[in-house]
C-alpha cells in the first residue's frame, strides 16, 4: 500500500487527499439532517397551572419526555401544581426534547418561629415574611406600647421562638393600643396573690411592670405587700389610672397584714 503511494507523483497524492476530504465533508453535511432531525419540530404544550400527573400525560402524548427539575412551596397554589416549565408553552422545538418542570411541594416545609415580641407591627410583619410566615388576626390590648407586639400566637396558643411550624402559617398578634381614655380608681392589690391580681389587672386593661419576687419559687401563690401606684394618696383620696398603664408590685410568701382603715373603701365619687 505504501509502495503504491510512494511510486505515484506527489501532486496526484495531494489531489487524492483533497478529493477524499471533500467527499467526507459532503457526507457529514448530508448526514446532519438525519442526525439532528432537521425540519422535524413540535410545539410544546402549555402545562403551567396543571397538576403534575396531567402535565406529564399531555407532554408524553405530544412526544416529549418530562423531568422534574425543582420543587418549591407556595401556599396560594395546590400541591403538585406545575409552577414553571422549560421550554415554555407554545414554543417550537425539535421532536423528542425533554421538558423540565418546577412543581409546588405537596407538604409545606417546616420553618422556625422568630421572636417578634416587642417589635412594631410593621417590623413584625417584615420579620414574619422573611421567615416564610404570614400575619393572621390582630388583637388589641390596652398597653402603653402602642402598636407593639405583646404576644405571638399560633392556633390560639402562645408560640416560642425556634418552634418548627409549616411554612405559610398565620401568626396572630396581640398589639398594644396605647394608654386608653378610660380613667378609673387604682385597684387594691395588696393582700392578693400574684395570679389573682394579674387576672384583675387584665380585666381592667392594666399590665404588670416591675415584679420583685426575691427567693420566691411559687410566684402564682405569693402575696403582694407593696404596689405602685398606691390606691390612695397622702390625703386619703383615690389615685386614678388609665387602661394601658402598668403597675409595679413586690411579693412575699406570707399574707401581709392590711390596715383596716385602708381596707375600708371611701365613698366613690358620683362620676364613678
C-alpha atoms as a PDB file:
ATOM      1  CA  UNK A   1       0.000   0.000   0.000  1.00  0.00           C
ATOM      2  CA  UNK A   2       2.761   2.447   0.934  1.00  0.00           C
ATOM      3  CA  UNK A   3       4.662   1.482  -2.245  1.00  0.00           C
ATOM      4  CA  UNK A   4       1.574   2.411  -4.280  1.00  0.00           C
ATOM      5  CA  UNK A   5       1.542   5.847  -2.650  1.00  0.00           C
ATOM      6  CA  UNK A   6       5.282   6.484  -2.917  1.00  0.00           C
ATOM      7  CA  UNK A   7       5.548   5.441  -6.562  1.00  0.00           C
ATOM      8  CA  UNK A   8       2.956   7.983  -7.693  1.00  0.00           C
ATOM      9  CA  UNK A   9       3.736  11.687  -8.201  1.00  0.00           C
ATOM     10  CA  UNK A  10       3.240  13.946  -5.173  1.00  0.00           C
ATOM     11  CA  UNK A  11       0.666  16.153  -6.877  1.00  0.00           C
ATOM     12  CA  UNK A  12      -1.510  13.097  -7.539  1.00  0.00           C
ATOM     13  CA  UNK A  13      -1.469  12.178  -3.837  1.00  0.00           C
ATOM     14  CA  UNK A  14      -2.340  15.757  -2.859  1.00  0.00           C
ATOM     15  CA  UNK A  15      -5.307  15.825  -5.240  1.00  0.00           C
ATOM     16  CA  UNK A  16      -6.464  12.441  -3.977  1.00  0.00           C
ATOM     17  CA  UNK A  17      -6.284  13.675  -0.380  1.00  0.00           C
ATOM     18  CA  UNK A  18      -8.272  16.816  -1.209  1.00  0.00           C
ATOM     19  CA  UNK A  19     -10.898  14.787  -3.045  1.00  0.00           C
ATOM     20  CA  UNK A  20     -11.217  12.416  -0.055  1.00  0.00           C
ATOM     21  CA  UNK A  21     -11.703  15.361   2.347  1.00  0.00           C
ATOM     22  CA  UNK A  22     -14.385  16.891   0.112  1.00  0.00           C
ATOM     23  CA  UNK A  23     -16.249  13.580  -0.030  1.00  0.00           C
ATOM     24  CA  UNK A  24     -16.118  13.187   3.780  1.00  0.00           C
ATOM     25  CA  UNK A  25     -17.326  16.784   4.277  1.00  0.00           C
ATOM     26  CA  UNK A  26     -20.325  16.321   1.970  1.00  0.00           C
ATOM     27  CA  UNK A  27     -21.213  13.031   3.633  1.00  0.00           C
ATOM     28  CA  UNK A  28     -21.117  14.755   7.029  1.00  0.00           C
ATOM     29  CA  UNK A  29     -23.318  17.655   5.871  1.00  0.00           C
ATOM     30  CA  UNK A  30     -25.823  15.298   4.296  1.00  0.00           C
ATOM     31  CA  UNK A  31     -25.978  13.219   7.464  1.00  0.00           C
ATOM     32  CA  UNK A  32     -26.701  16.238   9.712  1.00  0.00           C
ATOM     33  CA  UNK A  33     -30.314  16.330   8.643  1.00  0.00           C
ATOM     34  CA  UNK A  34     -30.738  12.738   9.704  1.00  0.00           C
ATOM     35  CA  UNK A  35     -28.731  13.111  12.937  1.00  0.00           C
ATOM     36  CA  UNK A  36     -30.478  16.327  14.133  1.00  0.00           C
ATOM     37  CA  UNK A  37     -33.980  15.640  12.794  1.00  0.00           C
ATOM     38  CA  UNK A  38     -33.775  18.814  10.737  1.00  0.00           C
ATOM     39  CA  UNK A  39     -37.162  20.384   9.916  1.00  0.00           C
ATOM     40  CA  UNK A  40     -38.808  17.995  12.389  1.00  0.00           C
ATOM     41  CA  UNK A  41     -40.187  20.121  15.271  1.00  0.00           C
ATOM     42  CA  UNK A  42     -43.199  20.322  17.556  1.00  0.00           C
ATOM     43  CA  UNK A  43     -44.961  22.920  19.685  1.00  0.00           C
ATOM     44  CA  UNK A  44     -44.542  22.478  23.434  1.00  0.00           C
ATOM     45  CA  UNK A  45     -47.941  22.207  25.154  1.00  0.00           C
ATOM     46  CA  UNK A  46     -48.678  24.816  27.833  1.00  0.00           C
ATOM     47  CA  UNK A  47     -48.980  22.958  31.152  1.00  0.00           C
ATOM     48  CA  UNK A  48     -48.487  25.769  33.702  1.00  0.00           C
ATOM     49  CA  UNK A  49     -51.072  25.559  36.495  1.00  0.00           C
ATOM     50  CA  UNK A  50     -51.927  21.915  35.769  1.00  0.00           C
ATOM     51  CA  UNK A  51     -51.274  19.026  38.148  1.00  0.00           C
ATOM     52  CA  UNK A  52     -48.066  17.094  37.568  1.00  0.00           C
ATOM     53  CA  UNK A  53     -49.895  13.907  36.504  1.00  0.00           C
ATOM     54  CA  UNK A  54     -51.996  15.799  33.972  1.00  0.00           C
ATOM     55  CA  UNK A  55     -48.982  17.724  32.649  1.00  0.00           C
ATOM     56  CA  UNK A  56     -46.970  14.516  32.242  1.00  0.00           C
ATOM     57  CA  UNK A  57     -49.738  12.846  30.233  1.00  0.00           C
ATOM     58  CA  UNK A  58     -50.117  15.869  27.931  1.00  0.00           C
ATOM     59  CA  UNK A  59     -46.376  16.189  27.296  1.00  0.00           C
ATOM     60  CA  UNK A  60     -45.814  12.468  26.769  1.00  0.00           C
ATOM     61  CA  UNK A  61     -48.690  12.357  24.302  1.00  0.00           C
ATOM     62  CA  UNK A  62     -47.053  15.221  22.393  1.00  0.00           C
ATOM     63  CA  UNK A  63     -43.792  13.247  22.195  1.00  0.00           C
ATOM     64  CA  UNK A  64     -41.811  14.956  24.975  1.00  0.00           C
ATOM     65  CA  UNK A  65     -40.001  13.485  27.930  1.00  0.00           C
ATOM     66  CA  UNK A  66     -40.696  15.013  31.348  1.00  0.00           C
ATOM     67  CA  UNK A  67     -38.204  15.669  34.147  1.00  0.00           C
ATOM     68  CA  UNK A  68     -38.923  17.408  37.496  1.00  0.00           C
ATOM     69  CA  UNK A  69     -36.182  19.999  37.709  1.00  0.00           C
ATOM     70  CA  UNK A  70     -37.112  21.587  41.037  1.00  0.00           C
ATOM     71  CA  UNK A  71     -39.836  21.873  43.673  1.00  0.00           C
ATOM     72  CA  UNK A  72     -40.738  24.948  45.692  1.00  0.00           C
ATOM     73  CA  UNK A  73     -43.558  25.797  48.068  1.00  0.00           C
ATOM     74  CA  UNK A  74     -46.321  28.371  47.846  1.00  0.00           C
ATOM     75  CA  UNK A  75     -49.494  28.218  49.914  1.00  0.00           C
ATOM     76  CA  UNK A  76     -51.515  30.001  47.229  1.00  0.00           C
ATOM     77  CA  UNK A  77     -51.267  27.052  44.807  1.00  0.00           C
ATOM     78  CA  UNK A  78     -52.486  23.464  45.087  1.00  0.00           C
ATOM     79  CA  UNK A  79     -49.851  20.808  45.888  1.00  0.00           C
ATOM     80  CA  UNK A  80     -48.016  19.214  42.921  1.00  0.00           C
ATOM     81  CA  UNK A  81     -49.089  22.001  40.557  1.00  0.00           C
ATOM     82  CA  UNK A  82     -46.724  22.983  37.739  1.00  0.00           C
ATOM     83  CA  UNK A  83     -45.247  26.406  38.524  1.00  0.00           C
ATOM     84  CA  UNK A  84     -42.681  26.637  35.715  1.00  0.00           C
ATOM     85  CA  UNK A  85     -41.751  24.785  32.529  1.00  0.00           C
ATOM     86  CA  UNK A  86     -38.681  24.884  30.291  1.00  0.00           C
ATOM     87  CA  UNK A  87     -39.079  25.229  27.306  1.00  0.00           C
ATOM     88  CA  UNK A  88     -42.084  27.496  27.798  1.00  0.00           C
ATOM     89  CA  UNK A  89     -45.516  26.635  26.483  1.00  0.00           C
ATOM     90  CA  UNK A  90     -46.264  27.190  22.769  1.00  0.00           C
ATOM     91  CA  UNK A  91     -42.532  27.294  21.977  1.00  0.00           C
ATOM     92  CA  UNK A  92     -41.440  25.478  18.778  1.00  0.00           C
ATOM     93  CA  UNK A  93     -38.683  22.949  19.496  1.00  0.00           C
ATOM     94  CA  UNK A  94     -37.246  19.782  17.973  1.00  0.00           C
ATOM     95  CA  UNK A  95     -39.011  16.494  18.461  1.00  0.00           C
ATOM     96  CA  UNK A  96     -38.247  14.261  21.440  1.00  0.00           C
ATOM     97  CA  UNK A  97     -36.883  17.121  23.522  1.00  0.00           C
ATOM     98  CA  UNK A  98     -37.094  16.974  27.334  1.00  0.00           C
ATOM     99  CA  UNK A  99     -39.387  19.412  29.150  1.00  0.00           C
ATOM    100  CA  UNK A 100     -38.215  20.389  32.643  1.00  0.00           C
ATOM    101  CA  UNK A 101     -40.886  21.201  35.250  1.00  0.00           C
ATOM    102  CA  UNK A 102     -40.858  23.036  38.575  1.00  0.00           C
ATOM    103  CA  UNK A 103     -43.744  21.911  40.793  1.00  0.00           C
ATOM    104  CA  UNK A 104     -45.305  23.013  44.069  1.00  0.00           C
ATOM    105  CA  UNK A 105     -44.414  20.806  47.030  1.00  0.00           C
ATOM    106  CA  UNK A 106     -47.075  18.511  48.428  1.00  0.00           C
ATOM    107  CA  UNK A 107     -46.134  19.301  52.048  1.00  0.00           C
ATOM    108  CA  UNK A 108     -45.114  22.686  53.429  1.00  0.00           C
ATOM    109  CA  UNK A 109     -41.514  22.628  54.693  1.00  0.00           C
ATOM    110  CA  UNK A 110     -41.005  23.491  58.383  1.00  0.00           C
ATOM    111  CA  UNK A 111     -39.622  26.887  59.368  1.00  0.00           C
ATOM    112  CA  UNK A 112     -38.581  28.339  62.723  1.00  0.00           C
ATOM    113  CA  UNK A 113     -40.766  30.844  64.501  1.00  0.00           C
ATOM    114  CA  UNK A 114     -38.884  34.105  65.128  1.00  0.00           C
ATOM    115  CA  UNK A 115     -39.245  36.146  68.310  1.00  0.00           C
ATOM    116  CA  UNK A 116     -41.199  39.275  67.384  1.00  0.00           C
ATOM    117  CA  UNK A 117     -42.452  40.253  70.852  1.00  0.00           C
ATOM    118  CA  UNK A 118     -41.590  43.916  71.357  1.00  0.00           C
ATOM    119  CA  UNK A 119     -41.440  44.627  67.614  1.00  0.00           C
ATOM    120  CA  UNK A 120     -43.587  47.283  65.995  1.00  0.00           C
ATOM    121  CA  UNK A 121     -46.361  45.884  63.820  1.00  0.00           C
ATOM    122  CA  UNK A 122     -44.538  46.784  60.584  1.00  0.00           C
ATOM    123  CA  UNK A 123     -41.263  45.251  61.760  1.00  0.00           C
ATOM    124  CA  UNK A 124     -43.074  42.110  62.914  1.00  0.00           C
ATOM    125  CA  UNK A 125     -44.813  41.829  59.553  1.00  0.00           C
ATOM    126  CA  UNK A 126     -41.459  42.018  57.725  1.00  0.00           C
ATOM    127  CA  UNK A 127     -39.834  39.507  60.102  1.00  0.00           C
ATOM    128  CA  UNK A 128     -42.656  37.016  59.554  1.00  0.00           C
ATOM    129  CA  UNK A 129     -42.471  37.450  55.781  1.00  0.00           C
ATOM    130  CA  UNK A 130     -38.710  36.830  55.841  1.00  0.00           C
ATOM    131  CA  UNK A 131     -39.314  33.630  57.844  1.00  0.00           C
ATOM    132  CA  UNK A 132     -41.929  32.417  55.340  1.00  0.00           C
ATOM    133  CA  UNK A 133     -44.876  33.148  57.641  1.00  0.00           C
ATOM    134  CA  UNK A 134     -47.887  35.474  57.484  1.00  0.00           C
ATOM    135  CA  UNK A 135     -49.712  37.838  59.792  1.00  0.00           C
ATOM    136  CA  UNK A 136     -53.040  36.425  60.918  1.00  0.00           C
ATOM    137  CA  UNK A 137     -55.522  38.227  63.153  1.00  0.00           C
ATOM    138  CA  UNK A 138     -54.523  41.316  65.128  1.00  0.00           C
ATOM    139  CA  UNK A 139     -55.895  41.633  68.650  1.00  0.00           C
ATOM    140  CA  UNK A 140     -55.564  44.930  70.515  1.00  0.00           C
ATOM    141  CA  UNK A 141     -54.960  45.073  74.232  1.00  0.00           C
ATOM    142  CA  UNK A 142     -54.579  48.100  76.487  1.00  0.00           C
ATOM    143  CA  UNK A 143     -50.880  48.807  76.839  1.00  0.00           C
ATOM    144  CA  UNK A 144     -48.765  51.937  76.768  1.00  0.00           C
ATOM    145  CA  UNK A 145     -46.657  50.471  73.900  1.00  0.00           C
ATOM    146  CA  UNK A 146     -48.950  51.404  71.045  1.00  0.00           C
ATOM    147  CA  UNK A 147     -48.842  49.011  68.031  1.00  0.00           C
ATOM    148  CA  UNK A 148     -46.105  46.991  69.721  1.00  0.00           C
ATOM    149  CA  UNK A 149     -46.349  43.180  69.695  1.00  0.00           C
ATOM    150  CA  UNK A 150     -47.238  41.932  73.177  1.00  0.00           C
ATOM    151  CA  UNK A 151     -47.838  38.271  72.281  1.00  0.00           C
ATOM    152  CA  UNK A 152     -47.361  35.972  69.276  1.00  0.00           C
ATOM    153  CA  UNK A 153     -49.966  33.234  68.842  1.00  0.00           C
ATOM    154  CA  UNK A 154     -50.261  30.158  66.629  1.00  0.00           C
ATOM    155  CA  UNK A 155     -53.652  28.432  66.558  1.00  0.00           C
ATOM    156  CA  UNK A 156     -54.681  30.478  69.574  1.00  0.00           C
ATOM    157  CA  UNK A 157     -51.689  29.466  71.709  1.00  0.00           C
ATOM    158  CA  UNK A 158     -48.532  31.417  72.519  1.00  0.00           C
ATOM    159  CA  UNK A 159     -45.622  30.175  70.401  1.00  0.00           C
ATOM    160  CA  UNK A 160     -41.979  30.363  71.422  1.00  0.00           C
ATOM    161  CA  UNK A 161     -39.018  31.371  69.293  1.00  0.00           C
ATOM    162  CA  UNK A 162     -37.465  28.465  67.398  1.00  0.00           C
ATOM    163  CA  UNK A 163     -40.626  26.334  67.319  1.00  0.00           C
ATOM    164  CA  UNK A 164     -40.971  24.487  63.997  1.00  0.00           C
ATOM    165  CA  UNK A 165     -44.204  25.234  62.129  1.00  0.00           C
ATOM    166  CA  UNK A 166     -45.257  24.783  58.467  1.00  0.00           C
ATOM    167  CA  UNK A 167     -44.181  27.489  56.059  1.00  0.00           C
ATOM    168  CA  UNK A 168     -47.021  29.856  55.207  1.00  0.00           C
ATOM    169  CA  UNK A 169     -48.642  29.527  58.645  1.00  0.00           C
ATOM    170  CA  UNK A 170     -50.535  32.529  60.004  1.00  0.00           C
ATOM    171  CA  UNK A 171     -49.387  34.089  63.266  1.00  0.00           C
ATOM    172  CA  UNK A 172     -51.897  36.097  65.294  1.00  0.00           C
ATOM    173  CA  UNK A 173     -50.518  39.196  67.006  1.00  0.00           C
ATOM    174  CA  UNK A 174     -51.620  40.823  70.247  1.00  0.00           C
ATOM    175  CA  UNK A 175     -50.826  44.528  69.940  1.00  0.00           C
ATOM    176  CA  UNK A 176     -50.827  47.374  72.426  1.00  0.00           C
ATOM    177  CA  UNK A 177     -53.341  50.098  71.674  1.00  0.00           C
ATOM    178  CA  UNK A 178     -51.702  52.761  73.822  1.00  0.00           C
ATOM    179  CA  UNK A 179     -52.972  54.272  77.052  1.00  0.00           C
ATOM    180  CA  UNK A 180     -56.757  54.367  76.903  1.00  0.00           C
ATOM    181  CA  UNK A 181     -59.092  57.240  77.605  1.00  0.00           C
ATOM    182  CA  UNK A 182     -60.940  55.299  80.326  1.00  0.00           C
ATOM    183  CA  UNK A 183     -59.841  56.519  83.747  1.00  0.00           C
ATOM    184  CA  UNK A 184     -60.665  54.685  86.965  1.00  0.00           C
ATOM    185  CA  UNK A 185     -59.530  54.199  90.546  1.00  0.00           C
ATOM    186  CA  UNK A 186     -56.247  52.366  91.123  1.00  0.00           C
ATOM    187  CA  UNK A 187     -57.130  48.803  92.177  1.00  0.00           C
ATOM    188  CA  UNK A 188     -56.143  47.467  95.588  1.00  0.00           C
ATOM    189  CA  UNK A 189     -53.636  44.652  95.011  1.00  0.00           C
ATOM    190  CA  UNK A 190     -52.021  44.401  98.445  1.00  0.00           C
ATOM    191  CA  UNK A 191     -53.068  41.187 100.179  1.00  0.00           C
ATOM    192  CA  UNK A 192     -53.920  39.402  96.931  1.00  0.00           C
ATOM    193  CA  UNK A 193     -51.956  36.618  95.303  1.00  0.00           C
ATOM    194  CA  UNK A 194     -49.983  37.304  92.168  1.00  0.00           C
ATOM    195  CA  UNK A 195     -52.314  35.277  89.921  1.00  0.00           C
ATOM    196  CA  UNK A 196     -55.478  36.858  91.357  1.00  0.00           C
ATOM    197  CA  UNK A 197     -54.019  40.331  90.918  1.00  0.00           C
ATOM    198  CA  UNK A 198     -52.911  39.548  87.376  1.00  0.00           C
ATOM    199  CA  UNK A 199     -56.449  38.470  86.439  1.00  0.00           C
ATOM    200  CA  UNK A 200     -57.876  41.674  87.946  1.00  0.00           C
ATOM    201  CA  UNK A 201     -55.377  43.846  86.091  1.00  0.00           C
ATOM    202  CA  UNK A 202     -56.106  42.169  82.781  1.00  0.00           C
ATOM    203  CA  UNK A 203     -59.830  42.594  83.328  1.00  0.00           C
ATOM    204  CA  UNK A 204     -59.259  46.330  83.758  1.00  0.00           C
ATOM    205  CA  UNK A 205     -56.900  46.652  80.805  1.00  0.00           C
ATOM    206  CA  UNK A 206     -53.834  47.164  83.002  1.00  0.00           C
ATOM    207  CA  UNK A 207     -50.474  45.442  82.884  1.00  0.00           C
ATOM    208  CA  UNK A 208     -47.679  44.481  85.241  1.00  0.00           C
ATOM    209  CA  UNK A 209     -44.477  46.443  85.178  1.00  0.00           C
ATOM    210  CA  UNK A 210     -41.707  45.573  87.616  1.00  0.00           C
ATOM    211  CA  UNK A 211     -42.299  42.427  89.700  1.00  0.00           C
ATOM    212  CA  UNK A 212     -39.894  41.884  92.613  1.00  0.00           C
ATOM    213  CA  UNK A 213     -40.052  38.330  93.981  1.00  0.00           C
ATOM    214  CA  UNK A 214     -36.695  37.637  95.631  1.00  0.00           C
ATOM    215  CA  UNK A 215     -36.249  33.973  96.549  1.00  0.00           C
ATOM    216  CA  UNK A 216     -39.850  33.017  95.697  1.00  0.00           C
ATOM    217  CA  UNK A 217     -40.339  29.884  93.578  1.00  0.00           C
ATOM    218  CA  UNK A 218     -44.156  29.715  93.556  1.00  0.00           C
ATOM    219  CA  UNK A 219     -44.890  33.191  92.209  1.00  0.00           C
ATOM    220  CA  UNK A 220     -48.559  32.484  91.451  1.00  0.00           C
ATOM    221  CA  UNK A 221     -49.454  31.907  95.111  1.00  0.00           C
ATOM    222  CA  UNK A 222     -47.172  34.586  96.555  1.00  0.00           C
ATOM    223  CA  UNK A 223     -48.806  37.661  98.148  1.00  0.00           C
ATOM    224  CA  UNK A 224     -48.444  41.272  97.155  1.00  0.00           C
ATOM    225  CA  UNK A 225     -47.301  43.515 100.035  1.00  0.00           C
ATOM    226  CA  UNK A 226     -46.428  46.657  98.042  1.00  0.00           C
ATOM    227  CA  UNK A 227     -47.784  48.256  94.879  1.00  0.00           C
ATOM    228  CA  UNK A 228     -47.108  51.327  92.801  1.00  0.00           C
ATOM    229  CA  UNK A 229     -49.062  53.443  92.226  1.00  0.00           C
ATOM    230  CA  UNK A 230     -50.825  53.129  95.570  1.00  0.00           C
ATOM    231  CA  UNK A 231     -54.599  53.167  95.781  1.00  0.00           C
ATOM    232  CA  UNK A 232     -54.690  56.323  97.948  1.00  0.00           C
ATOM    233  CA  UNK A 233     -52.632  59.495  98.020  1.00  0.00           C
ATOM    234  CA  UNK A 234     -51.362  61.327 101.102  1.00  0.00           C
ATOM    235  CA  UNK A 235     -54.794  62.910 101.648  1.00  0.00           C
ATOM    236  CA  UNK A 236     -56.519  59.515 101.641  1.00  0.00           C
ATOM    237  CA  UNK A 237     -58.080  60.290  98.280  1.00  0.00           C
ATOM    238  CA  UNK A 238     -58.274  57.886  95.371  1.00  0.00           C
ATOM    239  CA  UNK A 239     -55.491  57.859  92.853  1.00  0.00           C
ATOM    240  CA  UNK A 240     -56.578  57.306  89.259  1.00  0.00           C
ATOM    241  CA  UNK A 241     -55.104  55.250  86.468  1.00  0.00           C
ATOM    242  CA  UNK A 242     -55.857  54.700  82.784  1.00  0.00           C
ATOM    243  CA  UNK A 243     -56.192  51.472  80.842  1.00  0.00           C
ATOM    244  CA  UNK A 244     -52.911  50.526  79.280  1.00  0.00           C
ATOM    245  CA  UNK A 245     -50.771  51.703  82.173  1.00  0.00           C
ATOM    246  CA  UNK A 246     -48.553  49.422  84.281  1.00  0.00           C
ATOM    247  CA  UNK A 247     -48.395  48.672  87.990  1.00  0.00           C
ATOM    248  CA  UNK A 248     -45.274  47.584  89.889  1.00  0.00           C
ATOM    249  CA  UNK A 249     -45.506  45.066  92.731  1.00  0.00           C
ATOM    250  CA  UNK A 250     -43.426  43.289  95.375  1.00  0.00           C
ATOM    251  CA  UNK A 251     -44.150  39.730  96.547  1.00  0.00           C
ATOM    252  CA  UNK A 252     -43.654  37.703  99.703  1.00  0.00           C
ATOM    253  CA  UNK A 253     -44.697  34.221 100.799  1.00  0.00           C
ATOM    254  CA  UNK A 254     -46.752  35.360 103.842  1.00  0.00           C
ATOM    255  CA  UNK A 255     -50.003  37.218 103.507  1.00  0.00           C
ATOM    256  CA  UNK A 256     -49.450  40.800 104.684  1.00  0.00           C
ATOM    257  CA  UNK A 257     -51.457  42.463 107.408  1.00  0.00           C
ATOM    258  CA  UNK A 258     -53.792  45.012 105.859  1.00  0.00           C
ATOM    259  CA  UNK A 259     -54.540  48.291 107.552  1.00  0.00           C
ATOM    260  CA  UNK A 260     -58.242  48.079 108.331  1.00  0.00           C
ATOM    261  CA  UNK A 261     -58.564  51.786 107.799  1.00  0.00           C
ATOM    262  CA  UNK A 262     -57.201  51.461 104.281  1.00  0.00           C
ATOM    263  CA  UNK A 263     -59.288  48.385 103.617  1.00  0.00           C
ATOM    264  CA  UNK A 264     -62.466  50.435 104.043  1.00  0.00           C
ATOM    265  CA  UNK A 265     -63.242  51.915 100.702  1.00  0.00           C
ATOM    266  CA  UNK A 266     -64.046  55.666 100.824  1.00  0.00           C
ATOM    267  CA  UNK A 267     -67.227  56.810  99.101  1.00  0.00           C
ATOM    268  CA  UNK A 268     -66.918  56.655  95.334  1.00  0.00           C
ATOM    269  CA  UNK A 269     -67.441  59.985  93.587  1.00  0.00           C
ATOM    270  CA  UNK A 270     -70.591  60.375  91.524  1.00  0.00           C
ATOM    271  CA  UNK A 271     -68.729  60.104  88.203  1.00  0.00           C
ATOM    272  CA  UNK A 272     -67.622  56.583  89.112  1.00  0.00           C
END
